[in-house]
C-alpha atoms as a PDB file:
ATOM      1  CA  MET A   1       2.226  28.090  18.444  1.00  0.00           C
ATOM      2  CA  TYR A   2       2.327  25.793  15.475  1.00  0.00           C
ATOM      3  CA  SER A   3       1.327  27.049  12.068  1.00  0.00           C
ATOM      4  CA  ILE A   4       1.175  25.723   8.531  1.00  0.00           C
ATOM      5  CA  GLU A   5       3.862  27.009   6.243  1.00  0.00           C
ATOM      6  CA  PRO A   6       2.626  28.728   3.068  1.00  0.00           C
ATOM      7  CA  THR A   7       4.579  26.297   0.850  1.00  0.00           C
ATOM      8  CA  LEU A   8       3.320  23.113   2.514  1.00  0.00           C
ATOM      9  CA  GLY A   9       0.697  22.451  -0.176  1.00  0.00           C
ATOM     10  CA  LEU A  10       3.231  22.879  -2.983  1.00  0.00           C
ATOM     11  CA  ARG A  11       5.769  20.644  -1.259  1.00  0.00           C
ATOM     12  CA  PHE A  12       3.091  18.005  -0.598  1.00  0.00           C
ATOM     13  CA  ILE A  13       1.990  18.014  -4.245  1.00  0.00           C
ATOM     14  CA  SER A  14       5.649  17.811  -5.321  1.00  0.00           C
ATOM     15  CA  LEU A  15       6.188  14.817  -3.043  1.00  0.00           C
ATOM     16  CA  LEU A  16       3.102  13.056  -4.405  1.00  0.00           C
ATOM     17  CA  ALA A  17       4.237  13.747  -7.977  1.00  0.00           C
ATOM     18  CA  ILE A  18       7.717  12.325  -7.268  1.00  0.00           C
ATOM     19  CA  ILE A  19       6.270   9.188  -5.644  1.00  0.00           C
ATOM     20  CA  LEU A  20       3.772   8.705  -8.454  1.00  0.00           C
ATOM     21  CA  LEU A  21       6.491   9.129 -11.080  1.00  0.00           C
ATOM     22  CA  PHE A  22       8.725   6.547  -9.376  1.00  0.00           C
ATOM     23  CA  TRP A  23       5.828   4.127  -8.955  1.00  0.00           C
ATOM     24  CA  ILE A  24       4.544   4.391 -12.539  1.00  0.00           C
ATOM     25  CA  SER A  25       8.062   4.170 -13.984  1.00  0.00           C
ATOM     26  CA  PHE A  26       8.892   1.080 -11.940  1.00  0.00           C
ATOM     27  CA  ASN A  27       5.581  -0.558 -12.813  1.00  0.00           C
ATOM     28  CA  THR A  28       5.999   0.141 -16.546  1.00  0.00           C
ATOM     29  CA  ILE A  29       9.578  -1.135 -16.648  1.00  0.00           C
ATOM     30  CA  MET A  30       8.741  -4.315 -14.718  1.00  0.00           C
ATOM     31  CA  ARG A  31       5.622  -5.051 -16.798  1.00  0.00           C
ATOM     32  CA  LYS A  32       7.611  -4.805 -20.024  1.00  0.00           C
ATOM     33  CA  TRP A  33      10.518  -6.803 -18.645  1.00  0.00           C
ATOM     34  CA  LEU A  34       8.280  -9.598 -17.319  1.00  0.00           C
ATOM     35  CA  LYS A  35       5.831  -9.360 -20.254  1.00  0.00           C
ATOM     36  CA  VAL A  36       2.745  -8.949 -18.071  1.00  0.00           C
ATOM     37  CA  LYS A  37      -0.401  -7.195 -19.277  1.00  0.00           C
ATOM     38  CA  LYS A  38      -1.398  -3.942 -17.628  1.00  0.00           C
ATOM     39  CA  LYS A  39      -4.077  -4.295 -14.956  1.00  0.00           C
ATOM     40  CA  LYS A  40      -7.187  -2.163 -15.125  1.00  0.00           C
ATOM     41  CA  LEU A  41      -6.917   0.972 -13.054  1.00  0.00           C
ATOM     42  CA  PHE A  42      -9.165   1.050  -9.958  1.00  0.00           C
ATOM     43  CA  SER A  43     -10.383  -2.523 -10.334  1.00  0.00           C
ATOM     44  CA  TYR A  44      -9.944  -5.445  -7.997  1.00  0.00           C
ATOM     45  CA  ASN A  45      -8.245  -7.745 -10.551  1.00  0.00           C
ATOM     46  CA  HIS A  46      -9.193 -10.944  -8.768  1.00  0.00           C
ATOM     47  CA  VAL A  47      -7.596 -14.085 -10.169  1.00  0.00           C
ATOM     48  CA  ASN A  48     -10.605 -16.296  -9.391  1.00  0.00           C
ATOM     49  CA  GLU A  49     -13.548 -16.615  -6.991  1.00  0.00           C
ATOM     50  CA  LYS A  50     -11.384 -18.049  -4.211  1.00  0.00           C
ATOM     51  CA  HIS A  51      -9.133 -14.999  -4.433  1.00  0.00           C
ATOM     52  CA  LYS A  52     -12.171 -12.711  -4.454  1.00  0.00           C
ATOM     53  CA  LYS A  53     -13.526 -14.252  -1.233  1.00  0.00           C
ATOM     54  CA  MET A  54     -10.135 -14.105   0.481  1.00  0.00           C
ATOM     55  CA  ASP A  55      -9.604 -10.501  -0.603  1.00  0.00           C
ATOM     56  CA  TRP A  56     -12.983  -9.372   0.706  1.00  0.00           C
ATOM     57  CA  THR A  57     -12.380 -11.217   3.981  1.00  0.00           C
ATOM     58  CA  ILE A  58      -9.081  -9.368   4.381  1.00  0.00           C
ATOM     59  CA  ARG A  59     -10.790  -6.049   3.570  1.00  0.00           C
ATOM     60  CA  ILE A  60     -13.567  -6.607   6.119  1.00  0.00           C
ATOM     61  CA  ILE A  61     -11.058  -7.611   8.811  1.00  0.00           C
ATOM     62  CA  THR A  62      -9.027  -4.481   8.009  1.00  0.00           C
ATOM     63  CA  ILE A  63     -12.050  -2.182   8.300  1.00  0.00           C
ATOM     64  CA  ALA A  64     -13.065  -3.828  11.587  1.00  0.00           C
ATOM     65  CA  SER A  65      -9.488  -3.531  12.887  1.00  0.00           C
ATOM     66  CA  ILE A  66      -9.332   0.170  12.020  1.00  0.00           C
ATOM     67  CA  LEU A  67     -12.647   0.816  13.788  1.00  0.00           C
ATOM     68  CA  ILE A  68     -11.737  -1.229  16.860  1.00  0.00           C
ATOM     69  CA  GLY A  69      -8.256   0.316  16.990  1.00  0.00           C
ATOM     70  CA  PHE A  70      -9.750   3.799  16.759  1.00  0.00           C
ATOM     71  CA  ILE A  71     -12.202   3.095  19.564  1.00  0.00           C
ATOM     72  CA  ILE A  72      -9.481   1.660  21.806  1.00  0.00           C
ATOM     73  CA  ASN A  73      -6.972   4.438  21.118  1.00  0.00           C
ATOM     74  CA  ILE A  74      -9.478   7.285  21.365  1.00  0.00           C
ATOM     75  CA  SER A  75     -10.423   6.092  24.858  1.00  0.00           C
ATOM     76  CA  ARG A  76      -6.784   6.422  25.969  1.00  0.00           C
ATOM     77  CA  ASP A  77      -4.593   9.462  26.433  1.00  0.00           C
ATOM     78  CA  SER A  78      -3.018  10.513  23.111  1.00  0.00           C
ATOM     79  CA  THR A  79       0.475   9.959  24.527  1.00  0.00           C
ATOM     80  CA  ASP A  80      -0.483   6.404  25.521  1.00  0.00           C
ATOM     81  CA  TRP A  81      -1.915   5.131  22.216  1.00  0.00           C
ATOM     82  CA  PHE A  82      -1.050   1.670  20.955  1.00  0.00           C
ATOM     83  CA  TRP A  83       1.066   2.155  17.834  1.00  0.00           C
ATOM     84  CA  PHE A  84      -0.116  -1.129  16.317  1.00  0.00           C
ATOM     85  CA  LEU A  85      -3.759   0.020  16.472  1.00  0.00           C
ATOM     86  CA  GLN A  86      -3.159   3.230  14.543  1.00  0.00           C
ATOM     87  CA  SER A  87      -4.797   3.283  11.134  1.00  0.00           C
ATOM     88  CA  TRP A  88      -1.573   3.794   9.143  1.00  0.00           C
ATOM     89  CA  VAL A  89      -0.077   0.618  10.670  1.00  0.00           C
ATOM     90  CA  ILE A  90      -3.229  -1.400   9.956  1.00  0.00           C
ATOM     91  CA  LEU A  91      -3.345  -0.084   6.361  1.00  0.00           C
ATOM     92  CA  PHE A  92       0.317  -0.968   5.823  1.00  0.00           C
ATOM     93  CA  ILE A  93      -0.332  -4.504   7.100  1.00  0.00           C
ATOM     94  CA  PHE A  94      -3.409  -4.687   4.858  1.00  0.00           C
ATOM     95  CA  ILE A  95      -1.344  -3.798   1.783  1.00  0.00           C
ATOM     96  CA  VAL A  96       1.318  -6.386   2.598  1.00  0.00           C
ATOM     97  CA  VAL A  97      -1.180  -9.173   3.351  1.00  0.00           C
ATOM     98  CA  SER A  98      -3.443  -8.366   0.402  1.00  0.00           C
ATOM     99  CA  GLU A  99      -0.610  -8.256  -2.117  1.00  0.00           C
ATOM    100  CA  THR A 100       0.959 -11.420  -0.681  1.00  0.00           C
ATOM    101  CA  VAL A 101      -2.351 -13.264  -1.121  1.00  0.00           C
ATOM    102  CA  ARG A 102      -2.587 -11.877  -4.673  1.00  0.00           C
ATOM    103  CA  ALA A 103       0.935 -13.136  -5.448  1.00  0.00           C
ATOM    104  CA  ILE A 104       0.142 -16.596  -4.072  1.00  0.00           C
ATOM    105  CA  MET A 105      -3.067 -16.804  -6.107  1.00  0.00           C
ATOM    106  CA  GLU A 106      -1.296 -15.582  -9.244  1.00  0.00           C
ATOM    107  CA  ARG A 107       1.457 -18.163  -8.694  1.00  0.00           C
ATOM    108  CA  LYS A 108      -1.114 -20.949  -8.464  1.00  0.00           C
ATOM    109  CA  TYR A 109      -3.824 -19.880 -10.911  1.00  0.00           C
ATOM    110  CA  ALA A 110      -2.742 -17.066 -13.258  1.00  0.00           C
ATOM    111  CA  LYS A 111      -2.284 -17.729 -16.971  1.00  0.00           C
ATOM    112  CA  ASN A 112       0.938 -15.702 -17.119  1.00  0.00           C
ATOM    113  CA  PRO A 113       3.640 -17.338 -14.964  1.00  0.00           C
ATOM    114  CA  ASN A 114       5.340 -13.963 -14.442  1.00  0.00           C
ATOM    115  CA  ALA A 115       2.300 -12.196 -12.962  1.00  0.00           C
ATOM    116  CA  TYR A 116       3.200 -13.132  -9.403  1.00  0.00           C
ATOM    117  CA  LYS A 117       6.757 -11.872  -9.905  1.00  0.00           C
ATOM    118  CA  LEU A 118       5.383  -8.478 -10.887  1.00  0.00           C
ATOM    119  CA  THR A 119       3.141  -8.396  -7.807  1.00  0.00           C
ATOM    120  CA  ILE A 120       6.012  -9.323  -5.486  1.00  0.00           C
ATOM    121  CA  SER A 121       8.341  -6.769  -7.076  1.00  0.00           C
ATOM    122  CA  GLU A 122       5.678  -4.040  -6.774  1.00  0.00           C
ATOM    123  CA  LEU A 123       5.119  -4.931  -3.127  1.00  0.00           C
ATOM    124  CA  LEU A 124       8.835  -4.848  -2.361  1.00  0.00           C
ATOM    125  CA  PHE A 125       9.167  -1.538  -4.217  1.00  0.00           C
ATOM    126  CA  VAL A 126       6.334   0.037  -2.216  1.00  0.00           C
ATOM    127  CA  ILE A 127       7.756  -1.232   1.096  1.00  0.00           C
ATOM    128  CA  ILE A 128      11.229   0.099   0.252  1.00  0.00           C
ATOM    129  CA  LEU A 129       9.831   3.407  -1.026  1.00  0.00           C
ATOM    130  CA  PHE A 130       7.778   4.050   2.104  1.00  0.00           C
ATOM    131  CA  PHE A 131      10.666   2.996   4.341  1.00  0.00           C
ATOM    132  CA  ILE A 132      12.932   5.488   2.520  1.00  0.00           C
ATOM    133  CA  LEU A 133      10.273   8.194   2.782  1.00  0.00           C
ATOM    134  CA  PHE A 134       9.938   7.595   6.500  1.00  0.00           C
ATOM    135  CA  LYS A 135      13.692   7.482   7.181  1.00  0.00           C
ATOM    136  CA  THR A 136      14.428  10.620   5.103  1.00  0.00           C
ATOM    137  CA  ASP A 137      11.539  12.537   6.635  1.00  0.00           C
ATOM    138  CA  PHE A 138       9.783  12.521   3.254  1.00  0.00           C
ATOM    139  CA  PHE A 139      12.928  13.704   1.435  1.00  0.00           C
ATOM    140  CA  GLY A 140      12.881  16.773   3.686  1.00  0.00           C
ATOM    141  CA  LEU A 141       9.818  18.106   1.874  1.00  0.00           C
ATOM    142  CA  LEU A 142       7.331  17.894   4.749  1.00  0.00           C
END
């Protein structure tokens, strides 16, 4: 039988704290180095109306893809699921596409010419961080 270890919650919180610390530190250092203003927390930060429309289109396609992928995979045996229709894969693709569109819009329309560099560096950092987490089995914490 499988069971949950008593320290799983503490290890999970520790992992989240480590990731958050790395992410905030990287973001702060890069913002100061590139001289980019801090974005508002939990806001969309659209560059212009064109970016807003593109971003919402990407979000709607992502939600539809997650729902369709769930319906397709749930109708199959759990050992025969399509990996590319699992929600974590679709969310990862969403993050990459959304941030790439943001970087392109910032490159074309943002007042600060370094804003797109910050977005690209954050995206690369997140991709590398999650790849490291996956390859190290979450630093052995989970």
